[in-house]
Protein backbone atom coordinates (compact mmCIF):
# COMPACT_ATOMS: atom_id res chain seq x y z
CA UNK A 1 -2.87 8.94 1.61
CA UNK A 2 -1.88 10.71 4.79
CA UNK A 3 -3.49 8.95 7.74
CA UNK A 4 -4.04 11.14 10.80
CA UNK A 5 -6.41 9.05 12.94
CA UNK A 6 -8.13 5.67 13.16
CA UNK A 7 -11.23 4.37 14.90
CA UNK A 8 -12.25 0.79 15.58
CA UNK A 9 -15.72 0.11 16.95
CA UNK A 10 -15.87 -3.31 18.58
CA UNK A 11 -19.17 -5.18 19.01
CA UNK A 12 -20.33 -7.88 21.41
CA UNK A 13 -21.30 -10.69 19.03
CA UNK A 14 -22.52 -13.66 21.10
CA UNK A 15 -20.79 -12.16 24.11
CA UNK A 16 -20.77 -14.00 27.41
CA UNK A 17 -19.30 -10.99 29.22
CA UNK A 18 -21.64 -9.25 31.65
CA UNK A 19 -20.88 -6.15 33.71
CA UNK A 20 -17.34 -4.74 33.63
CA UNK A 21 -14.73 -7.37 34.39
CA UNK A 22 -11.40 -5.97 35.60
CA UNK A 23 -9.53 -7.53 32.67
CA UNK A 24 -11.84 -6.15 29.95
CA UNK A 25 -9.52 -4.91 27.19
CA UNK A 26 -8.86 -4.97 23.45
CA UNK A 27 -5.37 -5.56 22.10
CA UNK A 28 -4.44 -5.09 18.45
CA UNK A 29 -1.96 -3.69 15.95
CA UNK A 30 -2.80 -1.47 12.97
CA UNK A 31 -0.46 -1.66 10.00
CA UNK A 32 -0.20 0.35 6.81
CA UNK A 33 1.38 -0.30 3.43
CA UNK A 34 2.00 1.62 0.23
CA UNK A 35 2.15 -1.51 -1.95
CA UNK A 36 0.25 -4.22 -0.01
CA UNK A 37 3.48 -6.19 0.49
CA UNK A 38 5.68 -4.28 2.93
CA UNK A 39 3.78 -3.39 6.12
CA UNK A 40 4.64 -0.83 8.81
CA UNK A 41 3.10 -0.51 12.26
CA UNK A 42 0.87 2.59 12.48
CA UNK A 43 -0.53 1.94 15.97
CA UNK A 44 0.55 -0.74 18.45
CA UNK A 45 -1.99 -1.54 21.16
CA UNK A 46 -0.77 -5.13 21.60
CA UNK A 47 -0.05 -4.52 25.29
CA UNK A 48 -3.11 -2.33 25.97
CA UNK A 49 -4.75 -2.91 29.37
CA UNK A 50 -7.78 -0.59 28.95
CA UNK A 51 -11.30 -1.20 27.70
CA UNK A 52 -11.51 0.59 24.33
CA UNK A 53 -14.89 -0.40 22.80
CA UNK A 54 -14.73 2.55 20.39
CA UNK A 55 -10.98 3.00 20.06
CA UNK A 56 -10.25 6.41 18.53
CA UNK A 57 -6.54 6.87 17.90
CA UNK A 58 -5.02 10.18 16.82
CA UNK A 59 -1.59 9.50 15.39
CA UNK A 60 1.30 11.53 16.78
CA UNK A 61 2.90 11.42 13.34
CA UNK A 62 1.03 11.23 10.01
CA UNK A 63 1.34 7.82 8.34
CA UNK A 64 1.51 7.34 4.55
CA UNK A 65 -0.44 4.30 3.35
CA UNK A 66 -2.62 3.01 0.56
CA UNK A 67 -3.64 -0.15 2.46
CA UNK A 68 -4.52 -0.49 6.15
CA UNK A 69 -5.05 -3.69 8.12
CA UNK A 70 -6.05 -4.75 11.61
CA UNK A 71 -4.07 -7.51 13.35
CA UNK A 72 -5.90 -9.05 16.27
CA UNK A 73 -4.08 -9.82 19.52
CA UNK A 74 -6.79 -10.17 22.21
CA UNK A 75 -10.34 -9.31 23.22
CA UNK A 76 -12.31 -10.52 26.22
CA UNK A 77 -15.17 -11.89 24.12
CA UNK A 78 -15.18 -15.35 22.61
CA UNK A 79 -15.60 -13.84 19.12
CA UNK A 80 -13.92 -10.81 17.60
CA UNK A 81 -16.58 -8.54 16.13
CA UNK A 82 -15.84 -5.14 14.58
CA UNK A 83 -18.74 -3.00 13.36
CA UNK A 84 -16.61 -0.17 11.96
CA UNK A 85 -12.99 0.42 11.03
CA UNK A 86 -12.57 4.09 10.13
CA UNK A 87 -9.50 5.76 8.67
CA UNK A 88 -9.19 9.57 8.82
CA UNK A 89 -6.80 11.60 6.73
CA UNK A 90 -6.29 13.28 3.38
CA UNK A 91 -5.09 12.35 -0.07
CA UNK A 92 -2.07 13.87 -1.71
CA UNK A 93 -3.87 15.82 -4.46
CA UNK A 94 -5.57 19.23 -4.42
CA UNK A 95 -8.73 20.04 -2.48
CA UNK A 96 -11.79 20.66 -4.66
CA UNK A 97 -12.66 24.18 -5.80
CA UNK A 98 -15.43 26.22 -4.20
CA UNK A 99 -18.77 25.58 -5.94
CA UNK A 100 -19.59 28.33 -8.49
CA UNK A 101 -22.95 29.89 -9.40
CA UNK A 102 -24.55 29.09 -6.06
CA UNK A 103 -28.22 30.14 -6.14
CA UNK A 104 -31.17 29.73 -3.80
CA UNK A 105 -34.88 30.12 -4.61
CA UNK A 106 -37.72 29.64 -2.19
CA UNK A 107 -40.56 27.60 -3.68
CA UNK A 108 -44.24 28.54 -3.67
CA UNK A 109 -44.53 26.09 -0.78
CA UNK A 110 -42.35 28.15 1.58
CA UNK A 111 -41.21 25.07 3.48
CA UNK A 112 -38.99 24.27 0.49
CA UNK A 113 -36.01 25.93 -1.20
CA UNK A 114 -34.10 24.95 -4.34
CA UNK A 115 -30.32 25.23 -3.98
CA UNK A 116 -28.29 24.99 -7.18
CA UNK A 117 -24.61 25.28 -8.11
CA UNK A 118 -22.23 24.08 -10.80
CA UNK A 119 -20.66 20.66 -10.38
CA UNK A 120 -17.07 20.79 -9.12
CA UNK A 121 -14.54 18.61 -10.94
CA UNK A 122 -13.20 15.82 -8.70
CA UNK A 123 -15.70 16.52 -5.90
CA UNK A 124 -16.93 13.45 -4.05
CA UNK A 125 -19.84 15.43 -2.67
CA UNK A 126 -21.12 18.62 -1.13
CA UNK A 127 -22.29 19.89 2.24
CA UNK A 128 -25.13 22.40 2.36
CA UNK A 129 -25.38 24.58 5.47
CA UNK A 130 -28.40 26.63 6.47
CA UNK A 131 -29.72 28.51 9.46
CA UNK A 132 -31.62 31.53 10.73
CA UNK A 133 -28.64 33.90 10.86
CA UNK A 134 -25.38 34.31 8.96
CA UNK A 135 -23.45 33.19 12.04
CA UNK A 136 -25.87 30.33 12.82
CA UNK A 137 -25.61 28.01 9.83
CA UNK A 138 -25.88 25.04 12.15
CA UNK A 139 -28.07 22.75 10.05
CA UNK A 140 -26.56 20.71 7.23
CA UNK A 141 -27.12 18.06 4.58
CA UNK A 142 -24.49 15.87 2.95
CA UNK A 143 -24.90 15.12 -0.76
CA UNK A 144 -22.76 12.68 -2.73
CA UNK A 145 -21.77 12.87 -6.40
CA UNK A 146 -24.13 15.42 -7.94
CA UNK A 147 -24.85 19.09 -7.25
CA UNK A 148 -28.17 20.74 -6.37
CA UNK A 149 -30.55 20.06 -3.53
CA UNK A 150 -34.22 20.57 -2.75
CA UNK A 151 -34.29 21.56 0.90
CA UNK A 152 -37.63 20.56 2.45
CA UNK A 153 -37.19 21.47 6.10
CA UNK A 154 -38.04 25.15 6.58
CA UNK A 155 -40.69 27.08 8.46
CA UNK A 156 -42.90 29.34 6.37
CA UNK A 157 -42.34 32.70 8.05
CA UNK A 158 -38.57 32.62 8.73
CA UNK A 159 -35.70 34.17 6.77
CA UNK A 160 -32.92 31.63 6.07
CA UNK A 161 -29.24 31.78 5.12
CA UNK A 162 -27.39 29.16 3.05
CA UNK A 163 -23.87 28.12 2.09
CA UNK A 164 -22.28 25.19 0.23
CA UNK A 165 -18.85 23.53 0.13
CA UNK A 166 -17.35 20.66 -1.88
CA UNK A 167 -15.22 17.81 -0.52
CA UNK A 168 -13.16 14.87 -1.68
CA UNK A 169 -10.48 12.60 -0.21
CA UNK A 170 -7.99 15.46 -0.35
CA UNK A 171 -9.95 17.92 1.76
CA UNK A 172 -12.75 20.47 1.85
CA UNK A 173 -13.14 23.52 -0.37
CA UNK A 174 -13.56 27.07 0.81
CA UNK A 175 -17.25 27.68 1.51
CA UNK A 176 -19.34 29.64 -0.97
CA UNK A 177 -20.72 33.05 -0.27
CA UNK A 178 -23.69 33.13 2.11
CA UNK A 179 -27.05 33.64 0.37
CA UNK A 180 -30.48 34.19 1.91
CA UNK A 181 -34.19 33.87 1.24
CA UNK A 182 -37.05 35.75 2.86
């Protein structure tokens, strides 16, 4: 896959560090490999002198890798503790198609709406957007694996607008047309 950014969230497991010591820092190297045998440096923070408790690293150049590993150099704490190691990028295949046959139907209980669409081949999941105006679809729900969603978060006397998109490791589809319910 094409790696564009990384994030490492360090934790303070059994930490004996209090306040902000002047030498508080995390030092590490991130490597990538296509075969798990030959490794290349993706990000070198082995000489870092800054505190980076939630190190977000945008790569200047995209890195190709199937495997990614963290190599520890130094942290101020007695124990290394990482709560999250996130890799951002895209696969090398096609993005999923836009979901077809998108339909919305307000239920008798007006707080709820059924949203349906056809499953998209190779989609990992879908994101539903809704809001009170076509240009204010600022609420969302993430759904993995299967299509269709029962939205149970509306007010009874408001018109709503809806849209759906599919995603996978290769990217995000074009969004569907915007539909509405009274």
